[in-house]
């Protein structure tokens, strides 16, 4: 019961201070207040360029992974072929 009164008092302080415009601390709007979840939109041109570079890097890494996997498959196939050929000699 004391917890409920404490929570109500804290809400009242934050609500009244938000109406005045001065807050006793950083007030982060909740998803219910904003109507959306976390906002990750870029805040500056640097963020946009950084996002583009990261996406390009992800594409390059995916391409590199595909090439390495193909190379490993080719090496494994060559080993299997050598083992099979050595059995028939």
C-alpha atoms as a PDB file:
ATOM      1  CA  UNK A   1       0.000   0.000   0.000  1.00  0.00           C
ATOM      2  CA  UNK A   2       2.889   2.347   0.756  1.00  0.00           C
ATOM      3  CA  UNK A   3       4.410   1.425  -2.605  1.00  0.00           C
ATOM      4  CA  UNK A   4       1.243   2.529  -4.389  1.00  0.00           C
ATOM      5  CA  UNK A   5       1.276   5.890  -2.624  1.00  0.00           C
ATOM      6  CA  UNK A   6       4.946   6.365  -3.455  1.00  0.00           C
ATOM      7  CA  UNK A   7       4.377   5.527  -7.131  1.00  0.00           C
ATOM      8  CA  UNK A   8       1.395   7.888  -7.274  1.00  0.00           C
ATOM      9  CA  UNK A   9       3.451  10.689  -5.699  1.00  0.00           C
ATOM     10  CA  UNK A  10       6.295  10.178  -8.172  1.00  0.00           C
ATOM     11  CA  UNK A  11       3.873  10.187 -11.102  1.00  0.00           C
ATOM     12  CA  UNK A  12       2.286  13.386  -9.778  1.00  0.00           C
ATOM     13  CA  UNK A  13       5.677  15.119  -9.491  1.00  0.00           C
ATOM     14  CA  UNK A  14       6.711  14.113 -12.994  1.00  0.00           C
ATOM     15  CA  UNK A  15       3.330  15.045 -14.441  1.00  0.00           C
ATOM     16  CA  UNK A  16       3.264  18.481 -12.794  1.00  0.00           C
ATOM     17  CA  UNK A  17       6.893  19.234 -13.681  1.00  0.00           C
ATOM     18  CA  UNK A  18       6.289  18.158 -17.288  1.00  0.00           C
ATOM     19  CA  UNK A  19       3.364  20.577 -17.518  1.00  0.00           C
ATOM     20  CA  UNK A  20       5.521  23.448 -16.235  1.00  0.00           C
ATOM     21  CA  UNK A  21       8.423  22.565 -18.521  1.00  0.00           C
ATOM     22  CA  UNK A  22      11.048  21.860 -15.874  1.00  0.00           C
ATOM     23  CA  UNK A  23      11.841  18.297 -15.044  1.00  0.00           C
ATOM     24  CA  UNK A  24      13.736  17.084 -12.003  1.00  0.00           C
ATOM     25  CA  UNK A  25      15.616  14.666 -14.240  1.00  0.00           C
ATOM     26  CA  UNK A  26      15.657  13.288 -17.763  1.00  0.00           C
ATOM     27  CA  UNK A  27      12.192  12.166 -18.740  1.00  0.00           C
ATOM     28  CA  UNK A  28      12.139   9.598 -21.508  1.00  0.00           C
ATOM     29  CA  UNK A  29       8.741   9.272 -23.170  1.00  0.00           C
ATOM     30  CA  UNK A  30       7.385   5.766 -23.101  1.00  0.00           C
ATOM     31  CA  UNK A  31       6.054   3.905 -26.106  1.00  0.00           C
ATOM     32  CA  UNK A  32       2.525   4.631 -24.891  1.00  0.00           C
ATOM     33  CA  UNK A  33       3.227   8.379 -24.885  1.00  0.00           C
ATOM     34  CA  UNK A  34       4.890   8.479 -28.296  1.00  0.00           C
ATOM     35  CA  UNK A  35       2.632   5.935 -29.950  1.00  0.00           C
ATOM     36  CA  UNK A  36       5.592   3.986 -31.290  1.00  0.00           C
ATOM     37  CA  UNK A  37       8.504   1.909 -30.128  1.00  0.00           C
ATOM     38  CA  UNK A  38      12.123   2.898 -30.262  1.00  0.00           C
ATOM     39  CA  UNK A  39      12.899   5.608 -32.821  1.00  0.00           C
ATOM     40  CA  UNK A  40      16.107   4.779 -34.716  1.00  0.00           C
ATOM     41  CA  UNK A  41      15.830   7.336 -37.484  1.00  0.00           C
ATOM     42  CA  UNK A  42      19.117   9.024 -38.369  1.00  0.00           C
ATOM     43  CA  UNK A  43      19.659  12.326 -36.637  1.00  0.00           C
ATOM     44  CA  UNK A  44      22.386  13.701 -38.883  1.00  0.00           C
ATOM     45  CA  UNK A  45      23.852  13.285 -42.371  1.00  0.00           C
ATOM     46  CA  UNK A  46      26.769  11.424 -40.796  1.00  0.00           C
ATOM     47  CA  UNK A  47      24.345   8.803 -39.468  1.00  0.00           C
ATOM     48  CA  UNK A  48      22.878   8.344 -42.951  1.00  0.00           C
ATOM     49  CA  UNK A  49      26.325   7.892 -44.511  1.00  0.00           C
ATOM     50  CA  UNK A  50      27.329   5.540 -41.706  1.00  0.00           C
ATOM     51  CA  UNK A  51      24.203   3.433 -42.244  1.00  0.00           C
ATOM     52  CA  UNK A  52      24.910   3.227 -45.987  1.00  0.00           C
ATOM     53  CA  UNK A  53      28.503   2.162 -45.387  1.00  0.00           C
ATOM     54  CA  UNK A  54      27.463  -0.465 -42.859  1.00  0.00           C
ATOM     55  CA  UNK A  55      24.890  -1.904 -45.265  1.00  0.00           C
ATOM     56  CA  UNK A  56      27.495  -2.041 -48.041  1.00  0.00           C
ATOM     57  CA  UNK A  57      29.925  -3.738 -45.674  1.00  0.00           C
ATOM     58  CA  UNK A  58      27.277  -6.302 -44.716  1.00  0.00           C
ATOM     59  CA  UNK A  59      26.738  -7.115 -48.404  1.00  0.00           C
ATOM     60  CA  UNK A  60      30.472  -7.538 -48.927  1.00  0.00           C
ATOM     61  CA  UNK A  61      30.811  -9.783 -45.874  1.00  0.00           C
ATOM     62  CA  UNK A  62      27.917 -11.943 -47.084  1.00  0.00           C
ATOM     63  CA  UNK A  63      29.579 -12.242 -50.494  1.00  0.00           C
ATOM     64  CA  UNK A  64      32.875 -13.184 -48.856  1.00  0.00           C
ATOM     65  CA  UNK A  65      31.130 -15.823 -46.731  1.00  0.00           C
ATOM     66  CA  UNK A  66      29.649 -17.353 -49.870  1.00  0.00           C
ATOM     67  CA  UNK A  67      33.026 -17.475 -51.567  1.00  0.00           C
ATOM     68  CA  UNK A  68      34.739 -19.042 -48.545  1.00  0.00           C
ATOM     69  CA  UNK A  69      31.974 -21.643 -48.262  1.00  0.00           C
ATOM     70  CA  UNK A  70      32.358 -22.457 -51.953  1.00  0.00           C
ATOM     71  CA  UNK A  71      36.121 -22.772 -51.580  1.00  0.00           C
ATOM     72  CA  UNK A  72      35.731 -25.074 -48.587  1.00  0.00           C
ATOM     73  CA  UNK A  73      33.288 -27.241 -50.537  1.00  0.00           C
ATOM     74  CA  UNK A  74      35.737 -27.451 -53.451  1.00  0.00           C
ATOM     75  CA  UNK A  75      38.590 -28.468 -51.132  1.00  0.00           C
ATOM     76  CA  UNK A  76      36.400 -31.078 -49.428  1.00  0.00           C
ATOM     77  CA  UNK A  77      35.356 -32.468 -52.817  1.00  0.00           C
ATOM     78  CA  UNK A  78      39.003 -32.651 -53.926  1.00  0.00           C
ATOM     79  CA  UNK A  79      39.929 -34.541 -50.758  1.00  0.00           C
ATOM     80  CA  UNK A  80      37.078 -37.003 -51.270  1.00  0.00           C
ATOM     81  CA  UNK A  81      38.105 -37.532 -54.900  1.00  0.00           C
ATOM     82  CA  UNK A  82      41.738 -38.151 -53.879  1.00  0.00           C
ATOM     83  CA  UNK A  83      40.644 -40.682 -51.262  1.00  0.00           C
ATOM     84  CA  UNK A  84      38.425 -42.504 -53.764  1.00  0.00           C
ATOM     85  CA  UNK A  85      41.173 -42.534 -56.414  1.00  0.00           C
ATOM     86  CA  UNK A  86      43.713 -43.866 -53.908  1.00  0.00           C
ATOM     87  CA  UNK A  87      41.372 -46.772 -53.092  1.00  0.00           C
ATOM     88  CA  UNK A  88      41.294 -47.875 -56.742  1.00  0.00           C
ATOM     89  CA  UNK A  89      45.068 -47.880 -57.280  1.00  0.00           C
END
